Amino acid sequence: MAVSKDSFLYKNGLSIVVVSLFIIFLFCQFITGWHVKNEELAEHKIPPLSLYRYFLSPHFMQATFENWESEFLQMGMYVLLTVILRQKGSAESKPINEQEDVDKDPVPHKKAPWPVKKGGFILSVYKHSLSISLGILFLLSFTFHFIGSLNNYNEEQIQKSLSVVSWKEYMIDSQFWFESFQNWQSEFLAVASLVILSIWFREKGSPQSKPVDASHDEN
């Protein structure tokens, strides 16, 4: 059955599908992580966790926010870097020598967002609200990743009859930064792949691609 172009589903299909996939894969991560954690506990002859207790566990907290942290870092940095940097021939870059609509100063009009109509300090903040919001989400995810990782590490230390560490000690521990860097590098590899591959390769109908008949030098 064809979907009307005026329907809610048609107008919001991209966000609906992406959010739905996020929920599905988060649930899959939760269930598989629950099994992994209980297998580890069984090895130490510790009673298994219920689904509710695993949801509140540092193991799930660490794994979840460890990934969210890298995603928000990637997107925030990408938004900022594409403001000032260019890549000749890439669909992900602004034109080398041309000004785009996103570079123009905002002009108040009837349908403009209220910060544009308000002006002043509110507009100054609103002009950078995308990178600011992504930065805040990164910092929150980084914090929760650290808390989850620290508590999970100390739980494992207790299971091994070893001493626990303080947050100051763990902040300079290689374990935490290994968890972060292994995700950060993969995120920027993905961005670099999209930026560079879009110079030569195409996907008809995608806004992340140049037109199929565009030259390789064209942005």
N, C-alpha and C. Protein backbone atom coordinates (compact mmCIF):
# COMPACT_ATOMS: atom_id res chain seq x y z
N MET A 1 0.84 -1.19 0.00
CA MET A 1 0.00 0.00 0.00
C MET A 1 0.88 1.25 0.00
N ALA A 2 0.60 2.15 -0.94
CA ALA A 2 1.39 3.37 -1.06
C ALA A 2 1.10 4.31 0.11
N VAL A 3 2.15 4.98 0.55
CA VAL A 3 2.00 5.93 1.65
C VAL A 3 1.86 7.33 1.08
N SER A 4 0.84 8.05 1.51
CA SER A 4 0.61 9.40 1.03
C SER A 4 1.76 10.32 1.44
N LYS A 5 2.14 11.22 0.53
CA LYS A 5 3.23 12.14 0.83
C LYS A 5 2.84 13.18 1.88
N ASP A 6 1.55 13.24 2.21
CA ASP A 6 1.11 14.17 3.25
C ASP A 6 0.97 13.48 4.61
N SER A 7 1.22 12.18 4.64
CA SER A 7 1.04 11.44 5.89
C SER A 7 2.20 11.66 6.85
N PHE A 8 1.92 11.40 8.12
CA PHE A 8 2.97 11.52 9.16
C PHE A 8 4.11 10.56 8.91
N LEU A 9 3.80 9.34 8.49
CA LEU A 9 4.83 8.33 8.25
C LEU A 9 5.78 8.75 7.13
N TYR A 10 5.22 9.30 6.08
CA TYR A 10 6.07 9.71 4.94
C TYR A 10 6.98 10.87 5.34
N LYS A 11 6.42 11.82 6.07
CA LYS A 11 7.19 13.01 6.43
C LYS A 11 8.22 12.75 7.53
N ASN A 12 8.02 11.68 8.29
CA ASN A 12 8.93 11.40 9.41
C ASN A 12 9.52 9.99 9.34
N GLY A 13 9.48 9.39 8.17
CA GLY A 13 9.90 8.01 8.02
C GLY A 13 11.34 7.75 8.42
N LEU A 14 12.24 8.69 8.09
CA LEU A 14 13.65 8.48 8.40
C LEU A 14 13.89 8.39 9.90
N SER A 15 13.35 9.35 10.66
CA SER A 15 13.56 9.32 12.11
C SER A 15 12.85 8.13 12.75
N ILE A 16 11.67 7.78 12.24
CA ILE A 16 10.93 6.64 12.80
C ILE A 16 11.71 5.35 12.63
N VAL A 17 12.25 5.13 11.43
CA VAL A 17 13.00 3.90 11.17
C VAL A 17 14.30 3.87 11.98
N VAL A 18 15.02 4.99 12.00
CA VAL A 18 16.30 5.02 12.72
C VAL A 18 16.10 4.82 14.22
N VAL A 19 15.11 5.47 14.80
CA VAL A 19 14.83 5.31 16.24
C VAL A 19 14.37 3.88 16.53
N SER A 20 13.56 3.31 15.63
CA SER A 20 13.10 1.94 15.81
C SER A 20 14.26 0.96 15.79
N LEU A 21 15.20 1.16 14.86
CA LEU A 21 16.38 0.29 14.80
C LEU A 21 17.23 0.44 16.05
N PHE A 22 17.34 1.68 16.55
CA PHE A 22 18.08 1.92 17.79
C PHE A 22 17.48 1.12 18.94
N ILE A 23 16.16 1.18 19.08
CA ILE A 23 15.48 0.46 20.17
C ILE A 23 15.65 -1.05 20.03
N ILE A 24 15.53 -1.54 18.82
CA ILE A 24 15.68 -2.98 18.57
C ILE A 24 17.08 -3.45 18.95
N PHE A 25 18.09 -2.73 18.48
CA PHE A 25 19.47 -3.15 18.74
C PHE A 25 19.87 -2.93 20.19
N LEU A 26 19.31 -1.90 20.84
CA LEU A 26 19.58 -1.71 22.26
C LEU A 26 18.99 -2.86 23.06
N PHE A 27 17.80 -3.30 22.69
CA PHE A 27 17.18 -4.44 23.36
C PHE A 27 18.02 -5.70 23.15
N CYS A 28 18.50 -5.90 21.93
CA CYS A 28 19.35 -7.07 21.64
C CYS A 28 20.64 -7.01 22.45
N GLN A 29 21.22 -5.81 22.56
CA GLN A 29 22.43 -5.65 23.37
C GLN A 29 22.13 -6.00 24.83
N PHE A 30 21.00 -5.53 25.31
CA PHE A 30 20.60 -5.76 26.71
C PHE A 30 20.47 -7.26 27.00
N ILE A 31 19.78 -7.98 26.13
CA ILE A 31 19.55 -9.41 26.35
C ILE A 31 20.86 -10.20 26.25
N THR A 32 21.64 -9.93 25.21
CA THR A 32 22.90 -10.67 25.06
C THR A 32 23.89 -10.30 26.16
N GLY A 33 23.90 -9.02 26.56
CA GLY A 33 24.77 -8.61 27.66
C GLY A 33 24.39 -9.27 28.96
N TRP A 34 23.09 -9.43 29.18
CA TRP A 34 22.58 -10.11 30.37
C TRP A 34 23.09 -11.56 30.41
N HIS A 35 23.05 -12.23 29.27
CA HIS A 35 23.55 -13.61 29.22
C HIS A 35 25.06 -13.66 29.46
N VAL A 36 25.80 -12.72 28.86
CA VAL A 36 27.25 -12.69 29.03
C VAL A 36 27.61 -12.47 30.50
N LYS A 37 26.94 -11.51 31.14
CA LYS A 37 27.24 -11.20 32.53
C LYS A 37 26.93 -12.39 33.43
N ASN A 38 25.81 -13.04 33.20
CA ASN A 38 25.45 -14.19 34.04
C ASN A 38 26.38 -15.37 33.81
N GLU A 39 26.92 -15.51 32.62
CA GLU A 39 27.91 -16.55 32.37
C GLU A 39 29.18 -16.27 33.16
N GLU A 40 29.56 -14.98 33.22
CA GLU A 40 30.74 -14.60 34.01
C GLU A 40 30.49 -14.87 35.50
N LEU A 41 29.29 -14.54 35.98
CA LEU A 41 28.97 -14.77 37.39
C LEU A 41 28.96 -16.26 37.72
N ALA A 42 28.46 -17.07 36.78
CA ALA A 42 28.41 -18.51 37.00
C ALA A 42 29.81 -19.10 37.17
N GLU A 43 30.78 -18.51 36.46
CA GLU A 43 32.17 -18.99 36.57
C GLU A 43 32.71 -18.76 37.97
N HIS A 44 32.19 -17.73 38.65
CA HIS A 44 32.62 -17.42 40.02
C HIS A 44 31.64 -17.95 41.06
N LYS A 45 30.68 -18.78 40.57
CA LYS A 45 29.68 -19.38 41.46
C LYS A 45 28.87 -18.32 42.21
N ILE A 46 28.52 -17.24 41.47
CA ILE A 46 27.70 -16.16 42.01
C ILE A 46 26.31 -16.25 41.38
N PRO A 47 25.24 -16.07 42.17
CA PRO A 47 23.88 -16.16 41.62
C PRO A 47 23.67 -15.21 40.44
N PRO A 48 22.91 -15.61 39.46
CA PRO A 48 22.69 -14.77 38.27
C PRO A 48 21.85 -13.53 38.60
N LEU A 49 21.97 -12.54 37.74
CA LEU A 49 21.20 -11.32 37.89
C LEU A 49 19.85 -11.46 37.19
N SER A 50 18.83 -10.87 37.76
CA SER A 50 17.54 -10.78 37.06
C SER A 50 17.67 -9.73 35.96
N LEU A 51 16.70 -9.69 35.07
CA LEU A 51 16.72 -8.68 34.01
C LEU A 51 16.73 -7.27 34.60
N TYR A 52 15.94 -7.06 35.63
CA TYR A 52 15.87 -5.73 36.26
C TYR A 52 17.20 -5.35 36.88
N ARG A 53 17.82 -6.26 37.61
CA ARG A 53 19.12 -5.96 38.24
C ARG A 53 20.21 -5.75 37.20
N TYR A 54 20.12 -6.48 36.09
CA TYR A 54 21.13 -6.27 35.04
C TYR A 54 20.95 -4.90 34.40
N PHE A 55 19.68 -4.46 34.24
CA PHE A 55 19.42 -3.14 33.67
C PHE A 55 20.08 -2.04 34.49
N LEU A 56 20.15 -2.24 35.80
CA LEU A 56 20.76 -1.25 36.70
C LEU A 56 22.24 -1.51 36.95
N SER A 57 22.78 -2.55 36.34
CA SER A 57 24.16 -2.95 36.63
C SER A 57 25.18 -2.07 35.92
N PRO A 58 26.38 -1.96 36.49
CA PRO A 58 27.44 -1.19 35.83
C PRO A 58 27.91 -1.83 34.52
N HIS A 59 27.72 -3.13 34.39
CA HIS A 59 28.11 -3.82 33.15
C HIS A 59 27.31 -3.27 31.96
N PHE A 60 25.99 -3.17 32.13
CA PHE A 60 25.13 -2.63 31.07
C PHE A 60 25.36 -1.13 30.89
N MET A 61 25.55 -0.43 31.99
CA MET A 61 25.78 1.01 31.95
C MET A 61 27.06 1.33 31.19
N GLN A 62 28.12 0.61 31.49
CA GLN A 62 29.39 0.84 30.81
C GLN A 62 29.29 0.59 29.32
N ALA A 63 28.75 -0.57 28.95
CA ALA A 63 28.68 -0.95 27.54
C ALA A 63 27.83 0.03 26.74
N THR A 64 26.74 0.50 27.33
CA THR A 64 25.84 1.40 26.62
C THR A 64 26.44 2.77 26.42
N PHE A 65 26.88 3.39 27.50
CA PHE A 65 27.38 4.76 27.39
C PHE A 65 28.76 4.84 26.76
N GLU A 66 29.50 3.75 26.79
CA GLU A 66 30.78 3.70 26.09
C GLU A 66 30.58 3.94 24.60
N ASN A 67 29.52 3.38 24.05
CA ASN A 67 29.23 3.54 22.63
C ASN A 67 28.55 4.88 22.35
N TRP A 68 27.61 5.28 23.20
CA TRP A 68 26.95 6.57 22.99
C TRP A 68 27.96 7.70 23.01
N GLU A 69 28.90 7.61 23.92
CA GLU A 69 29.94 8.63 24.06
C GLU A 69 30.67 8.86 22.74
N SER A 70 31.09 7.77 22.10
CA SER A 70 31.85 7.89 20.85
C SER A 70 30.99 8.43 19.71
N GLU A 71 29.70 8.07 19.71
CA GLU A 71 28.80 8.55 18.66
C GLU A 71 28.60 10.06 18.75
N PHE A 72 28.37 10.56 19.97
CA PHE A 72 28.15 11.99 20.14
C PHE A 72 29.44 12.77 19.88
N LEU A 73 30.58 12.20 20.23
CA LEU A 73 31.86 12.84 19.93
C LEU A 73 32.03 12.94 18.42
N GLN A 74 31.75 11.85 17.73
CA GLN A 74 31.89 11.82 16.27
C GLN A 74 31.01 12.88 15.61
N MET A 75 29.72 12.88 15.96
CA MET A 75 28.80 13.80 15.31
C MET A 75 29.10 15.25 15.67
N GLY A 76 29.44 15.51 16.93
CA GLY A 76 29.75 16.87 17.35
C GLY A 76 30.98 17.41 16.63
N MET A 77 32.04 16.61 16.57
CA MET A 77 33.26 17.03 15.89
C MET A 77 33.01 17.19 14.39
N TYR A 78 32.20 16.30 13.83
CA TYR A 78 31.92 16.37 12.39
C TYR A 78 31.17 17.65 12.05
N VAL A 79 30.19 18.01 12.89
CA VAL A 79 29.45 19.25 12.68
C VAL A 79 30.40 20.45 12.71
N LEU A 80 31.30 20.49 13.68
CA LEU A 80 32.22 21.61 13.81
C LEU A 80 33.28 21.64 12.70
N LEU A 81 33.82 20.48 12.37
CA LEU A 81 34.89 20.43 11.37
C LEU A 81 34.39 20.81 9.98
N THR A 82 33.13 20.44 9.67
CA THR A 82 32.60 20.77 8.35
C THR A 82 32.26 22.26 8.21
N VAL A 83 32.29 22.99 9.32
CA VAL A 83 32.09 24.44 9.24
C VAL A 83 33.31 25.10 8.61
N ILE A 84 34.50 24.65 8.99
CA ILE A 84 35.72 25.35 8.59
C ILE A 84 36.59 24.59 7.58
N LEU A 85 36.40 23.26 7.50
CA LEU A 85 37.27 22.47 6.63
C LEU A 85 36.54 22.01 5.37
N ARG A 86 37.28 21.81 4.30
CA ARG A 86 36.72 21.41 3.02
C ARG A 86 37.42 20.14 2.50
N GLN A 87 36.72 19.40 1.66
CA GLN A 87 37.31 18.26 0.97
C GLN A 87 36.85 18.31 -0.48
N LYS A 88 37.76 18.62 -1.36
CA LYS A 88 37.42 18.75 -2.78
C LYS A 88 36.81 17.45 -3.30
N GLY A 89 35.64 17.57 -3.93
CA GLY A 89 35.00 16.42 -4.55
C GLY A 89 34.11 15.61 -3.63
N SER A 90 34.08 15.91 -2.33
CA SER A 90 33.29 15.10 -1.39
C SER A 90 31.87 15.65 -1.24
N ALA A 91 30.90 14.74 -1.24
CA ALA A 91 29.51 15.14 -1.01
C ALA A 91 29.29 15.62 0.42
N GLU A 92 30.23 15.31 1.31
CA GLU A 92 30.11 15.69 2.72
C GLU A 92 30.71 17.05 3.03
N SER A 93 31.25 17.70 2.02
CA SER A 93 31.91 18.98 2.22
C SER A 93 31.14 20.10 1.52
N LYS A 94 31.24 21.30 2.10
CA LYS A 94 30.71 22.46 1.40
C LYS A 94 31.61 22.77 0.20
N PRO A 95 31.11 23.51 -0.79
CA PRO A 95 31.94 23.88 -1.95
C PRO A 95 33.21 24.60 -1.51
N ILE A 96 34.25 24.45 -2.29
CA ILE A 96 35.55 25.03 -1.94
C ILE A 96 35.50 26.55 -1.84
N ASN A 97 34.91 27.21 -2.83
CA ASN A 97 34.97 28.67 -2.89
C ASN A 97 33.61 29.36 -2.88
N GLU A 98 32.54 28.61 -2.61
CA GLU A 98 31.21 29.20 -2.65
C GLU A 98 30.59 29.29 -1.26
N GLN A 99 29.79 30.32 -1.07
CA GLN A 99 29.05 30.46 0.19
C GLN A 99 27.71 29.75 0.06
N GLU A 100 27.32 29.01 1.10
CA GLU A 100 26.03 28.33 1.10
C GLU A 100 25.05 29.03 2.02
N ASP A 101 23.79 28.63 1.94
CA ASP A 101 22.76 29.26 2.78
C ASP A 101 23.09 29.15 4.26
N VAL A 102 23.74 28.04 4.66
CA VAL A 102 24.06 27.85 6.08
C VAL A 102 25.10 28.85 6.58
N ASP A 103 25.80 29.52 5.66
CA ASP A 103 26.82 30.49 6.05
C ASP A 103 26.25 31.90 6.20
N LYS A 104 25.04 32.12 5.72
CA LYS A 104 24.46 33.45 5.75
C LYS A 104 23.93 33.80 7.14
N ASP A 105 23.93 35.08 7.46
CA ASP A 105 23.38 35.53 8.73
C ASP A 105 21.87 35.30 8.75
N PRO A 106 21.32 34.87 9.88
CA PRO A 106 19.88 34.60 9.96
C PRO A 106 19.05 35.88 9.84
N VAL A 107 17.94 35.77 9.13
CA VAL A 107 17.03 36.90 8.94
C VAL A 107 15.66 36.53 9.52
N PRO A 108 15.14 37.31 10.46
CA PRO A 108 13.82 37.01 11.04
C PRO A 108 12.72 37.02 9.97
N HIS A 109 11.83 36.06 10.04
CA HIS A 109 10.66 36.02 9.16
C HIS A 109 9.54 35.31 9.90
N LYS A 110 8.39 35.24 9.29
CA LYS A 110 7.20 34.74 9.97
C LYS A 110 7.36 33.35 10.55
N LYS A 111 7.99 32.44 9.80
CA LYS A 111 8.13 31.06 10.24
C LYS A 111 9.50 30.76 10.86
N ALA A 112 10.30 31.78 11.09
CA ALA A 112 11.62 31.57 11.68
C ALA A 112 11.49 31.08 13.13
N PRO A 113 12.44 30.25 13.62
CA PRO A 113 12.42 29.82 15.03
C PRO A 113 12.45 31.06 15.94
N TRP A 114 11.84 30.93 17.13
CA TRP A 114 11.73 32.10 18.00
C TRP A 114 13.06 32.71 18.40
N PRO A 115 14.18 31.94 18.56
CA PRO A 115 15.45 32.60 18.89
C PRO A 115 15.91 33.57 17.79
N VAL A 116 15.57 33.25 16.53
CA VAL A 116 15.93 34.15 15.44
C VAL A 116 15.16 35.46 15.57
N LYS A 117 13.90 35.37 15.91
CA LYS A 117 13.07 36.57 16.10
C LYS A 117 13.51 37.35 17.34
N LYS A 118 13.95 36.60 18.37
CA LYS A 118 14.36 37.25 19.63
C LYS A 118 15.66 38.01 19.47
N GLY A 119 16.64 37.38 18.80
CA GLY A 119 17.92 38.03 18.57
C GLY A 119 18.80 38.06 19.82
N GLY A 120 19.86 38.84 19.77
CA GLY A 120 20.75 39.02 20.91
C GLY A 120 21.48 37.75 21.33
N PHE A 121 21.64 37.61 22.66
CA PHE A 121 22.38 36.48 23.21
C PHE A 121 21.72 35.15 22.87
N ILE A 122 20.40 35.11 22.92
CA ILE A 122 19.67 33.87 22.62
C ILE A 122 19.96 33.40 21.20
N LEU A 123 20.00 34.33 20.27
CA LEU A 123 20.32 33.97 18.89
C LEU A 123 21.76 33.50 18.77
N SER A 124 22.67 34.16 19.50
CA SER A 124 24.08 33.76 19.46
C SER A 124 24.26 32.32 19.89
N VAL A 125 23.52 31.92 20.93
CA VAL A 125 23.58 30.54 21.40
C VAL A 125 22.91 29.61 20.39
N TYR A 126 21.77 30.03 19.88
CA TYR A 126 21.00 29.19 18.95
C TYR A 126 21.79 28.91 17.68
N LYS A 127 22.61 29.84 17.26
CA LYS A 127 23.41 29.65 16.04
C LYS A 127 24.39 28.49 16.18
N HIS A 128 24.70 28.10 17.41
CA HIS A 128 25.63 27.00 17.66
C HIS A 128 24.98 25.91 18.52
N SER A 129 23.64 25.90 18.56
CA SER A 129 22.92 24.99 19.45
C SER A 129 23.10 23.51 19.08
N LEU A 130 23.32 23.21 17.81
CA LEU A 130 23.51 21.81 17.41
C LEU A 130 24.79 21.25 18.00
N SER A 131 25.91 21.97 17.82
CA SER A 131 27.18 21.49 18.37
C SER A 131 27.17 21.53 19.89
N ILE A 132 26.50 22.51 20.47
CA ILE A 132 26.41 22.59 21.94
C ILE A 132 25.65 21.40 22.50
N SER A 133 24.51 21.07 21.89
CA SER A 133 23.71 19.93 22.37
C SER A 133 24.46 18.62 22.22
N LEU A 134 25.17 18.44 21.11
CA LEU A 134 25.95 17.22 20.93
C LEU A 134 27.11 17.16 21.92
N GLY A 135 27.69 18.32 22.22
CA GLY A 135 28.77 18.38 23.20
C GLY A 135 28.28 18.00 24.59
N ILE A 136 27.11 18.49 24.97
CA ILE A 136 26.53 18.14 26.27
C ILE A 136 26.22 16.66 26.34
N LEU A 137 25.64 16.10 25.27
CA LEU A 137 25.34 14.67 25.24
C LEU A 137 26.62 13.84 25.33
N PHE A 138 27.70 14.31 24.70
CA PHE A 138 28.98 13.61 24.81
C PHE A 138 29.48 13.62 26.25
N LEU A 139 29.45 14.78 26.90
CA LEU A 139 29.95 14.88 28.27
C LEU A 139 29.13 14.02 29.22
N LEU A 140 27.80 14.01 29.05
CA LEU A 140 26.95 13.16 29.89
C LEU A 140 27.27 11.69 29.67
N SER A 141 27.41 11.29 28.40
CA SER A 141 27.71 9.88 28.09
C SER A 141 29.09 9.50 28.61
N PHE A 142 30.05 10.40 28.48
CA PHE A 142 31.41 10.16 28.97
C PHE A 142 31.38 9.93 30.48
N THR A 143 30.61 10.77 31.18
CA THR A 143 30.51 10.66 32.65
C THR A 143 29.89 9.33 33.06
N PHE A 144 28.76 8.97 32.43
CA PHE A 144 28.09 7.72 32.78
C PHE A 144 28.92 6.50 32.36
N HIS A 145 29.66 6.62 31.26
CA HIS A 145 30.57 5.54 30.88
C HIS A 145 31.62 5.34 31.94
N PHE A 146 32.18 6.45 32.42
CA PHE A 146 33.22 6.37 33.45
C PHE A 146 32.69 5.74 34.72
N ILE A 147 31.50 6.17 35.16
CA ILE A 147 30.91 5.63 36.39
C ILE A 147 30.64 4.13 36.23
N GLY A 148 30.04 3.75 35.11
CA GLY A 148 29.74 2.34 34.87
C GLY A 148 30.99 1.50 34.77
N SER A 149 31.99 2.03 34.07
CA SER A 149 33.24 1.29 33.90
C SER A 149 33.96 1.11 35.22
N LEU A 150 34.00 2.18 36.04
CA LEU A 150 34.64 2.12 37.36
C LEU A 150 33.96 1.08 38.25
N ASN A 151 32.64 1.14 38.32
CA ASN A 151 31.91 0.21 39.18
C ASN A 151 32.02 -1.23 38.68
N ASN A 152 32.02 -1.40 37.37
CA ASN A 152 32.15 -2.75 36.81
C ASN A 152 33.55 -3.31 37.09
N TYR A 153 34.55 -2.45 36.96
CA TYR A 153 35.93 -2.86 37.24
C TYR A 153 36.08 -3.28 38.70
N ASN A 154 35.50 -2.48 39.60
CA ASN A 154 35.61 -2.80 41.03
C ASN A 154 34.83 -4.05 41.40
N GLU A 155 33.71 -4.29 40.73
CA GLU A 155 32.98 -5.54 40.95
C GLU A 155 33.85 -6.74 40.59
N GLU A 156 34.56 -6.63 39.47
CA GLU A 156 35.43 -7.72 39.04
C GLU A 156 36.61 -7.88 39.99
N GLN A 157 37.11 -6.75 40.52
CA GLN A 157 38.19 -6.81 41.50
C GLN A 157 37.75 -7.56 42.75
N ILE A 158 36.55 -7.29 43.21
CA ILE A 158 36.00 -7.96 44.40
C ILE A 158 35.83 -9.45 44.14
N GLN A 159 35.35 -9.80 42.97
CA GLN A 159 35.17 -11.21 42.62
C GLN A 159 36.51 -11.97 42.62
N LYS A 160 37.59 -11.23 42.30
CA LYS A 160 38.92 -11.83 42.26
C LYS A 160 39.65 -11.68 43.60
N SER A 161 38.94 -11.15 44.59
CA SER A 161 39.52 -10.91 45.93
C SER A 161 40.69 -9.93 45.87
N LEU A 162 40.57 -8.93 45.01
CA LEU A 162 41.58 -7.89 44.88
C LEU A 162 41.02 -6.57 45.40
N SER A 163 41.89 -5.61 45.62
CA SER A 163 41.45 -4.32 46.16
C SER A 163 40.77 -3.47 45.09
N VAL A 164 39.81 -2.66 45.53
CA VAL A 164 39.11 -1.77 44.61
C VAL A 164 39.94 -0.49 44.43
N VAL A 165 39.60 0.28 43.39
CA VAL A 165 40.33 1.52 43.11
C VAL A 165 39.38 2.71 43.25
N SER A 166 39.94 3.87 43.52
CA SER A 166 39.15 5.10 43.60
C SER A 166 38.93 5.65 42.20
N TRP A 167 38.03 6.62 42.09
CA TRP A 167 37.77 7.21 40.78
C TRP A 167 39.00 7.95 40.26
N LYS A 168 39.79 8.53 41.16
CA LYS A 168 41.00 9.23 40.73
C LYS A 168 42.02 8.25 40.15
N GLU A 169 42.14 7.10 40.78
CA GLU A 169 43.07 6.08 40.28
C GLU A 169 42.59 5.52 38.94
N TYR A 170 41.28 5.33 38.83
CA TYR A 170 40.75 4.74 37.61
C TYR A 170 40.79 5.71 36.44
N MET A 171 40.73 7.02 36.73
CA MET A 171 40.77 8.02 35.68
C MET A 171 42.06 7.96 34.87
N ILE A 172 43.15 7.52 35.51
CA ILE A 172 44.42 7.42 34.79
C ILE A 172 44.78 5.98 34.46
N ASP A 173 43.80 5.08 34.66
CA ASP A 173 44.03 3.66 34.36
C ASP A 173 43.83 3.42 32.87
N SER A 174 44.67 2.59 32.30
CA SER A 174 44.61 2.32 30.86
C SER A 174 43.32 1.62 30.44
N GLN A 175 42.68 0.89 31.35
CA GLN A 175 41.45 0.16 31.01
C GLN A 175 40.35 1.09 30.51
N PHE A 176 40.11 2.18 31.26
CA PHE A 176 39.05 3.11 30.88
C PHE A 176 39.35 3.77 29.55
N TRP A 177 40.58 4.23 29.38
CA TRP A 177 40.91 4.93 28.14
C TRP A 177 40.99 3.98 26.95
N PHE A 178 41.33 2.73 27.19
CA PHE A 178 41.29 1.73 26.12
C PHE A 178 39.86 1.57 25.61
N GLU A 179 38.89 1.52 26.53
CA GLU A 179 37.49 1.41 26.14
C GLU A 179 37.06 2.60 25.29
N SER A 180 37.53 3.80 25.66
CA SER A 180 37.14 5.00 24.92
C SER A 180 37.83 5.08 23.57
N PHE A 181 39.15 4.92 23.55
CA PHE A 181 39.89 5.11 22.31
C PHE A 181 39.54 4.09 21.23
N GLN A 182 39.21 2.86 21.65
CA GLN A 182 38.88 1.85 20.64
C GLN A 182 37.58 2.21 19.93
N ASN A 183 36.70 2.96 20.59
CA ASN A 183 35.47 3.42 19.95
C ASN A 183 35.69 4.73 19.19
N TRP A 184 36.45 5.63 19.76
CA TRP A 184 36.68 6.92 19.10
C TRP A 184 37.33 6.74 17.74
N GLN A 185 38.36 5.89 17.68
CA GLN A 185 39.06 5.73 16.40
C GLN A 185 38.16 5.13 15.33
N SER A 186 37.27 4.21 15.72
CA SER A 186 36.39 3.58 14.74
C SER A 186 35.36 4.58 14.20
N GLU A 187 34.92 5.52 15.06
CA GLU A 187 33.96 6.52 14.61
C GLU A 187 34.57 7.44 13.56
N PHE A 188 35.80 7.86 13.78
CA PHE A 188 36.43 8.75 12.82
C PHE A 188 36.87 8.01 11.56
N LEU A 189 37.10 6.71 11.67
CA LEU A 189 37.34 5.91 10.48
C LEU A 189 36.09 5.88 9.61
N ALA A 190 34.92 5.74 10.24
CA ALA A 190 33.65 5.71 9.51
C ALA A 190 33.40 7.05 8.82
N VAL A 191 33.66 8.16 9.53
CA VAL A 191 33.47 9.48 8.94
C VAL A 191 34.43 9.69 7.78
N ALA A 192 35.69 9.33 7.98
CA ALA A 192 36.69 9.48 6.92
C ALA A 192 36.30 8.66 5.69
N SER A 193 35.77 7.47 5.91
CA SER A 193 35.35 6.61 4.80
C SER A 193 34.25 7.27 3.99
N LEU A 194 33.26 7.86 4.68
CA LEU A 194 32.15 8.51 3.99
C LEU A 194 32.62 9.75 3.24
N VAL A 195 33.47 10.54 3.88
CA VAL A 195 33.98 11.76 3.26
C VAL A 195 34.79 11.43 2.00
N ILE A 196 35.67 10.46 2.10
CA ILE A 196 36.58 10.15 0.99
C ILE A 196 35.89 9.31 -0.09
N LEU A 197 35.13 8.30 0.30
CA LEU A 197 34.49 7.44 -0.70
C LEU A 197 33.45 8.18 -1.52
N SER A 198 32.81 9.21 -0.92
CA SER A 198 31.79 9.97 -1.66
C SER A 198 32.39 10.82 -2.78
N ILE A 199 33.72 10.92 -2.83
CA ILE A 199 34.37 11.62 -3.94
C ILE A 199 34.17 10.83 -5.23
N TRP A 200 34.31 9.50 -5.16
CA TRP A 200 34.29 8.67 -6.36
C TRP A 200 33.06 7.79 -6.50
N PHE A 201 32.40 7.46 -5.40
CA PHE A 201 31.28 6.53 -5.47
C PHE A 201 29.95 7.25 -5.24
N ARG A 202 28.86 6.65 -5.74
CA ARG A 202 27.55 7.29 -5.71
C ARG A 202 26.48 6.35 -5.15
N GLU A 203 25.41 6.93 -4.67
CA GLU A 203 24.21 6.19 -4.28
C GLU A 203 23.01 7.03 -4.74
N LYS A 204 22.40 6.62 -5.82
CA LYS A 204 21.31 7.39 -6.39
C LYS A 204 20.19 7.60 -5.36
N GLY A 205 19.78 8.85 -5.21
CA GLY A 205 18.69 9.19 -4.31
C GLY A 205 19.10 9.54 -2.90
N SER A 206 20.37 9.36 -2.55
CA SER A 206 20.82 9.65 -1.18
C SER A 206 21.40 11.06 -1.08
N PRO A 207 21.01 11.84 -0.07
CA PRO A 207 21.59 13.17 0.12
C PRO A 207 23.05 13.11 0.57
N GLN A 208 23.51 11.91 0.93
CA GLN A 208 24.92 11.75 1.31
C GLN A 208 25.80 11.49 0.10
N SER A 209 25.20 11.47 -1.09
CA SER A 209 25.94 11.22 -2.32
C SER A 209 25.75 12.37 -3.29
N LYS A 210 26.74 12.56 -4.13
CA LYS A 210 26.57 13.50 -5.24
C LYS A 210 25.69 12.86 -6.31
N PRO A 211 25.14 13.66 -7.24
CA PRO A 211 24.41 13.05 -8.36
C PRO A 211 25.29 12.04 -9.10
N VAL A 212 24.67 11.02 -9.60
CA VAL A 212 25.44 9.92 -10.24
C VAL A 212 26.30 10.44 -11.37
N ASP A 213 25.84 11.47 -12.12
CA ASP A 213 26.61 11.96 -13.26
C ASP A 213 27.54 13.13 -12.91
N ALA A 214 27.67 13.43 -11.60
CA ALA A 214 28.57 14.51 -11.18
C ALA A 214 30.02 14.11 -11.35
N SER A 215 30.86 15.08 -11.68
CA SER A 215 32.29 14.79 -11.82
C SER A 215 32.90 14.52 -10.45
N HIS A 216 34.05 13.86 -10.43
CA HIS A 216 34.71 13.57 -9.17
C HIS A 216 35.19 14.83 -8.46
N ASP A 217 35.46 15.89 -9.20
CA ASP A 217 35.96 17.13 -8.59
C ASP A 217 34.84 17.99 -8.01
N GLU A 218 33.61 17.70 -8.39
CA GLU A 218 32.48 18.51 -7.97
C GLU A 218 32.05 18.20 -6.55
N ASN A 219 31.74 19.21 -5.76
CA ASN A 219 31.27 19.01 -4.39
C ASN A 219 29.75 18.86 -4.38
